[in-house]
């Protein structure tokens, strides 16, 4: 039996799917079991509760062979990261009370840095809180999610343009599909390891590469264009981000563009992505969602 958090999301769902395909039992903690009925039908043991509740998490960890934990990854993050701090404290307490035989935690590229991370500060806090657990612990530092560009794919379908905060557009940044994260999480949980471990999961992809993949999926030329730095705030406001949460998002993008947020941490194990942007974009283009 393996505990998987975030099962109703893309990453947790991908990890659970991979474990089930391997013949393993899965347990999940969900706020509303009715929203996870599909998983119940597939044999997942659902427990009602919230990751913010250390008692519920500790109870769900009892008797498992391994556990996967993660924080939500919202685009809009409040200054000071109050939600991330509360969740991290809950997970730390629960995992010290009920340490699993091995733990995998989703982290992010750049989380080893102590400043200049913006939104990625959330996973930096998580690594700091869980780094001294009395069980083998692996942090999967994932690259930027390829799926985060699906909204841009829709716009490119009508405009032929991919507006990018990541720049210059010919520079490659670490990226990965959520399905690949699920595969790696399941591999670690089932295979095991000793001590502490850091995996850097993803492959270099440039905005120009993303634009080319969009063009291939859409059947039309798509050009990547950098959004001028002075227009970021107005662009994010137009996208609906609250004014007080824009700063953390911009700081993260600045970290990527400057090279501060990147792979190459000493001692980390590199694992390449296997799912390509073309595969992700083709799935959405063929479903009709790219041009709706």
Protein backbone atom coordinates (compact mmCIF):
# COMPACT_ATOMS: atom_id res chain seq x y z
CA UNK A 1 0.00 0.00 0.00
CA UNK A 2 1.32 3.42 -1.01
CA UNK A 3 0.02 6.80 0.13
CA UNK A 4 -0.40 9.38 -2.65
CA UNK A 5 -1.33 13.00 -2.02
CA UNK A 6 -2.94 15.23 -4.64
CA UNK A 7 -4.61 12.30 -6.36
CA UNK A 8 -7.31 14.50 -7.92
CA UNK A 9 -4.63 16.60 -9.65
CA UNK A 10 -2.37 15.86 -12.60
CA UNK A 11 0.81 14.90 -10.71
CA UNK A 12 -0.75 12.89 -7.90
CA UNK A 13 -3.11 11.26 -10.36
CA UNK A 14 -0.21 10.29 -12.63
CA UNK A 15 1.68 8.74 -9.70
CA UNK A 16 -1.38 6.80 -8.55
CA UNK A 17 -2.08 5.59 -12.08
CA UNK A 18 1.46 4.28 -12.48
CA UNK A 19 1.33 2.46 -9.14
CA UNK A 20 -2.03 0.87 -9.94
CA UNK A 21 -0.75 -0.25 -13.35
CA UNK A 22 2.09 -1.96 -11.52
CA UNK A 23 -0.35 -3.92 -9.38
CA UNK A 24 0.17 -1.89 -6.21
CA UNK A 25 -2.47 -0.71 -3.75
CA UNK A 26 -2.96 3.02 -3.26
CA UNK A 27 -4.40 5.10 -0.43
CA UNK A 28 -5.29 8.78 -0.80
CA UNK A 29 -6.49 11.58 1.45
CA UNK A 30 -9.21 13.72 -0.12
CA UNK A 31 -11.41 16.50 1.21
CA UNK A 32 -14.46 15.29 -0.71
CA UNK A 33 -14.50 11.58 -1.64
CA UNK A 34 -17.35 12.25 -4.07
CA UNK A 35 -14.90 14.13 -6.31
CA UNK A 36 -12.63 11.08 -6.36
CA UNK A 37 -15.22 8.38 -7.06
CA UNK A 38 -13.37 7.32 -10.22
CA UNK A 39 -10.35 6.41 -8.09
CA UNK A 40 -12.52 4.52 -5.65
CA UNK A 41 -13.93 2.45 -8.51
CA UNK A 42 -10.36 1.65 -9.56
CA UNK A 43 -9.57 0.30 -6.12
CA UNK A 44 -7.96 3.28 -4.39
CA UNK A 45 -8.64 3.44 -0.66
CA UNK A 46 -9.97 6.94 -0.02
CA UNK A 47 -9.67 8.60 3.38
CA UNK A 48 -11.55 11.81 4.11
CA UNK A 49 -9.26 14.56 5.30
CA UNK A 50 -6.96 17.42 4.42
CA UNK A 51 -3.18 17.68 4.23
CA UNK A 52 -3.42 20.68 6.53
CA UNK A 53 -4.65 18.30 9.27
CA UNK A 54 -1.61 16.53 10.74
CA UNK A 55 -3.79 14.00 12.56
CA UNK A 56 -5.51 12.95 9.33
CA UNK A 57 -2.21 12.69 7.46
CA UNK A 58 -0.54 10.67 10.22
CA UNK A 59 -3.46 8.24 10.30
CA UNK A 60 -3.38 7.84 6.50
CA UNK A 61 0.34 7.01 6.65
CA UNK A 62 -0.08 4.09 9.02
CA UNK A 63 0.92 0.76 7.49
CA UNK A 64 2.03 2.07 4.09
CA UNK A 65 5.14 0.90 2.23
CA UNK A 66 5.91 4.39 1.01
CA UNK A 67 4.39 7.85 0.65
CA UNK A 68 4.30 10.64 -1.91
CA UNK A 69 3.57 14.18 -0.73
CA UNK A 70 3.32 17.46 -2.57
CA UNK A 71 2.08 21.00 -2.21
CA UNK A 72 -0.47 22.57 -4.53
CA UNK A 73 1.27 24.73 -7.14
CA UNK A 74 -0.98 27.78 -7.66
CA UNK A 75 0.11 30.55 -10.00
CA UNK A 76 -1.03 33.22 -7.54
CA UNK A 77 0.80 32.92 -4.22
CA UNK A 78 0.30 35.30 -1.28
CA UNK A 79 3.27 37.27 0.09
CA UNK A 80 4.96 35.40 2.93
CA UNK A 81 3.63 32.06 1.67
CA UNK A 82 1.19 31.47 4.58
CA UNK A 83 -0.59 28.52 2.95
CA UNK A 84 2.67 26.77 2.09
CA UNK A 85 4.04 27.31 5.60
CA UNK A 86 0.92 25.87 7.21
CA UNK A 87 0.87 22.83 4.93
CA UNK A 88 4.59 22.23 5.38
CA UNK A 89 4.23 22.34 9.16
CA UNK A 90 1.37 19.83 9.02
CA UNK A 91 3.30 17.42 6.81
CA UNK A 92 6.40 17.69 8.97
CA UNK A 93 4.44 16.87 12.14
CA UNK A 94 2.58 13.96 10.54
CA UNK A 95 5.70 12.45 8.97
CA UNK A 96 7.64 12.63 12.23
CA UNK A 97 4.76 10.93 14.03
CA UNK A 98 4.20 8.26 11.35
CA UNK A 99 7.36 8.04 9.24
CA UNK A 100 6.83 5.76 6.22
CA UNK A 101 9.51 3.28 5.12
CA UNK A 102 10.35 5.76 2.34
CA UNK A 103 9.10 9.16 1.28
CA UNK A 104 9.03 10.94 -2.09
CA UNK A 105 8.26 14.67 -2.09
CA UNK A 106 7.60 16.78 -5.17
CA UNK A 107 9.95 19.75 -5.29
CA UNK A 108 11.03 22.12 -8.04
CA UNK A 109 14.06 23.08 -10.04
CA UNK A 110 15.98 25.70 -8.08
CA UNK A 111 14.71 24.72 -4.64
CA UNK A 112 18.25 24.45 -3.27
CA UNK A 113 18.59 28.23 -3.55
CA UNK A 114 17.81 30.30 -0.46
CA UNK A 115 16.52 33.46 -2.15
CA UNK A 116 15.33 34.87 -5.46
CA UNK A 117 12.85 32.04 -6.04
CA UNK A 118 9.43 33.71 -5.96
CA UNK A 119 6.77 30.99 -6.06
CA UNK A 120 9.41 28.26 -5.85
CA UNK A 121 10.06 29.38 -2.26
CA UNK A 122 7.20 27.01 -1.41
CA UNK A 123 9.19 23.91 -2.33
CA UNK A 124 12.35 25.34 -0.77
CA UNK A 125 10.39 25.51 2.49
CA UNK A 126 9.15 21.95 1.99
CA UNK A 127 12.65 20.57 1.47
CA UNK A 128 13.85 22.37 4.58
CA UNK A 129 11.01 21.00 6.69
CA UNK A 130 11.32 17.39 5.54
CA UNK A 131 15.09 17.14 5.22
CA UNK A 132 15.68 15.61 8.65
CA UNK A 133 13.05 12.87 8.67
CA UNK A 134 14.08 9.47 10.08
CA UNK A 135 13.28 7.69 6.81
CA UNK A 136 14.76 7.55 3.30
CA UNK A 137 13.58 10.75 1.61
CA UNK A 138 13.75 11.68 -2.07
CA UNK A 139 13.01 15.15 -3.40
CA UNK A 140 11.98 15.18 -7.06
CA UNK A 141 12.94 18.62 -8.34
CA UNK A 142 10.80 18.85 -11.44
CA UNK A 143 11.28 21.29 -14.28
CA UNK A 144 8.52 23.66 -15.33
CA UNK A 145 5.38 21.77 -16.34
CA UNK A 146 4.88 21.61 -20.11
CA UNK A 147 1.13 21.56 -19.47
CA UNK A 148 1.32 25.12 -18.13
CA UNK A 149 1.54 26.25 -21.77
CA UNK A 150 -1.73 24.70 -22.92
CA UNK A 151 -3.53 28.03 -22.47
CA UNK A 152 -0.96 29.64 -24.75
CA UNK A 153 -1.58 26.85 -27.27
CA UNK A 154 -5.20 27.94 -27.50
CA UNK A 155 -4.18 31.54 -28.17
CA UNK A 156 -1.57 30.45 -30.70
CA UNK A 157 -4.27 28.59 -32.59
CA UNK A 158 -5.87 31.90 -33.54
CA UNK A 159 -2.92 34.31 -33.49
CA UNK A 160 0.04 32.22 -34.63
CA UNK A 161 2.01 33.73 -31.76
CA UNK A 162 3.35 32.33 -28.48
CA UNK A 163 3.99 35.16 -26.01
CA UNK A 164 6.65 34.05 -23.55
CA UNK A 165 7.74 35.29 -20.14
CA UNK A 166 10.72 32.93 -20.43
CA UNK A 167 13.41 34.62 -22.50
CA UNK A 168 15.44 34.83 -24.62
CA UNK A 169 13.25 32.54 -26.65
CA UNK A 170 16.16 30.49 -27.97
CA UNK A 171 17.39 29.67 -24.45
CA UNK A 172 16.42 26.23 -23.11
CA UNK A 173 14.85 25.87 -19.66
CA UNK A 174 14.20 22.65 -17.67
CA UNK A 175 10.72 21.32 -18.47
CA UNK A 176 8.78 18.11 -17.89
CA UNK A 177 5.30 16.66 -18.40
CA UNK A 178 3.27 15.65 -15.35
CA UNK A 179 3.04 12.07 -16.64
CA UNK A 180 6.83 11.78 -16.40
CA UNK A 181 6.70 12.95 -12.79
CA UNK A 182 4.20 10.20 -11.98
CA UNK A 183 6.47 7.60 -13.56
CA UNK A 184 9.50 8.77 -11.57
CA UNK A 185 7.58 8.96 -8.29
CA UNK A 186 6.30 5.40 -8.72
CA UNK A 187 9.77 4.17 -9.70
CA UNK A 188 11.29 5.60 -6.55
CA UNK A 189 8.55 4.36 -4.24
CA UNK A 190 8.67 0.81 -5.53
CA UNK A 191 12.42 0.57 -6.12
CA UNK A 192 13.61 2.16 -2.92
CA UNK A 193 16.91 3.83 -1.97
CA UNK A 194 18.82 4.68 1.18
CA UNK A 195 19.36 8.01 2.90
CA UNK A 196 18.54 11.32 1.27
CA UNK A 197 18.23 11.71 -2.49
CA UNK A 198 17.59 14.55 -4.94
CA UNK A 199 16.38 13.92 -8.49
CA UNK A 200 16.40 16.65 -11.14
CA UNK A 201 13.63 15.61 -13.52
CA UNK A 202 13.24 17.22 -16.92
CA UNK A 203 14.97 18.17 -20.16
CA UNK A 204 15.96 21.49 -21.76
CA UNK A 205 13.20 23.10 -23.84
CA UNK A 206 13.25 26.65 -25.22
CA UNK A 207 10.25 28.88 -25.94
CA UNK A 208 11.19 28.51 -29.61
CA UNK A 209 10.92 24.73 -29.16
CA UNK A 210 7.50 25.18 -27.57
CA UNK A 211 6.35 27.38 -30.45
CA UNK A 212 7.54 24.80 -32.99
CA UNK A 213 5.71 22.05 -31.10
CA UNK A 214 2.55 24.15 -31.03
CA UNK A 215 2.85 24.73 -34.76
CA UNK A 216 3.24 21.01 -35.41
CA UNK A 217 0.22 20.20 -33.25
CA UNK A 218 -1.93 22.96 -34.76
CA UNK A 219 -0.80 22.57 -38.36
CA UNK A 220 0.17 26.21 -38.70
CA UNK A 221 3.29 28.33 -38.08
CA UNK A 222 3.69 29.64 -34.54
CA UNK A 223 6.32 32.19 -33.52
CA UNK A 224 7.64 32.70 -29.99
CA UNK A 225 7.82 36.34 -28.91
CA UNK A 226 9.25 37.56 -25.60
CA UNK A 227 6.96 39.70 -23.46
CA UNK A 228 8.96 42.85 -22.60
CA UNK A 229 9.84 42.94 -18.89
CA UNK A 230 8.16 46.33 -18.43
CA UNK A 231 4.86 44.83 -19.61
CA UNK A 232 4.84 41.83 -17.27
CA UNK A 233 2.77 43.40 -14.50
CA UNK A 234 0.08 44.71 -16.85
CA UNK A 235 -0.01 41.38 -18.69
CA UNK A 236 -0.41 39.43 -15.45
CA UNK A 237 -3.12 41.79 -14.23
CA UNK A 238 -4.97 41.25 -17.51
CA UNK A 239 -4.65 37.49 -16.91
CA UNK A 240 -6.44 37.95 -13.58
CA UNK A 241 -3.60 37.65 -11.07
CA UNK A 242 -4.28 39.68 -7.90
CA UNK A 243 -1.96 42.67 -7.54
CA UNK A 244 -0.44 41.48 -4.24
CA UNK A 245 0.49 38.08 -5.72
CA UNK A 246 2.19 39.24 -8.91
CA UNK A 247 5.56 39.94 -7.29
CA UNK A 248 6.28 36.32 -6.38
CA UNK A 249 5.42 35.15 -9.89
CA UNK A 250 7.63 37.78 -11.51
CA UNK A 251 10.52 36.92 -9.16
CA UNK A 252 10.29 33.28 -10.24
CA UNK A 253 10.37 34.20 -13.92
CA UNK A 254 13.32 36.53 -13.35
CA UNK A 255 15.11 33.63 -11.64
CA UNK A 256 14.61 31.39 -14.65
CA UNK A 257 15.67 34.05 -17.14
CA UNK A 258 18.83 34.94 -15.24
CA UNK A 259 19.88 31.30 -14.87
CA UNK A 260 19.54 31.43 -11.08
CA UNK A 261 16.82 28.77 -11.24
CA UNK A 262 18.25 25.83 -13.18
CA UNK A 263 19.41 22.24 -12.91
CA UNK A 264 22.92 21.31 -11.88
CA UNK A 265 22.77 21.18 -8.08
CA UNK A 266 25.75 19.25 -6.64
CA UNK A 267 24.91 15.62 -5.90
CA UNK A 268 21.56 15.61 -7.70
CA UNK A 269 20.65 12.70 -9.98
CA UNK A 270 19.58 13.88 -13.46
CA UNK A 271 16.60 12.09 -15.02
CA UNK A 272 15.56 13.11 -18.54
CA UNK A 273 11.97 13.74 -19.58
CA UNK A 274 10.44 11.27 -22.01
CA UNK A 275 7.16 13.00 -22.93
CA UNK A 276 7.67 15.76 -25.52
CA UNK A 277 5.88 19.10 -25.93
CA UNK A 278 4.54 17.89 -29.29
CA UNK A 279 2.85 14.96 -27.57
CA UNK A 280 1.23 17.20 -24.96
CA UNK A 281 0.08 19.85 -27.43
CA UNK A 282 -1.18 17.27 -29.94
CA UNK A 283 -3.42 15.74 -27.28
CA UNK A 284 -5.08 19.10 -26.67
CA UNK A 285 -5.19 20.18 -30.32
CA UNK A 286 -6.81 16.91 -31.41
CA UNK A 287 -9.42 17.21 -28.66
CA UNK A 288 -10.49 20.59 -30.01
CA UNK A 289 -9.53 22.38 -26.81
CA UNK A 290 -6.68 24.29 -28.44
CA UNK A 291 -8.93 26.44 -30.59
CA UNK A 292 -11.99 26.71 -28.39
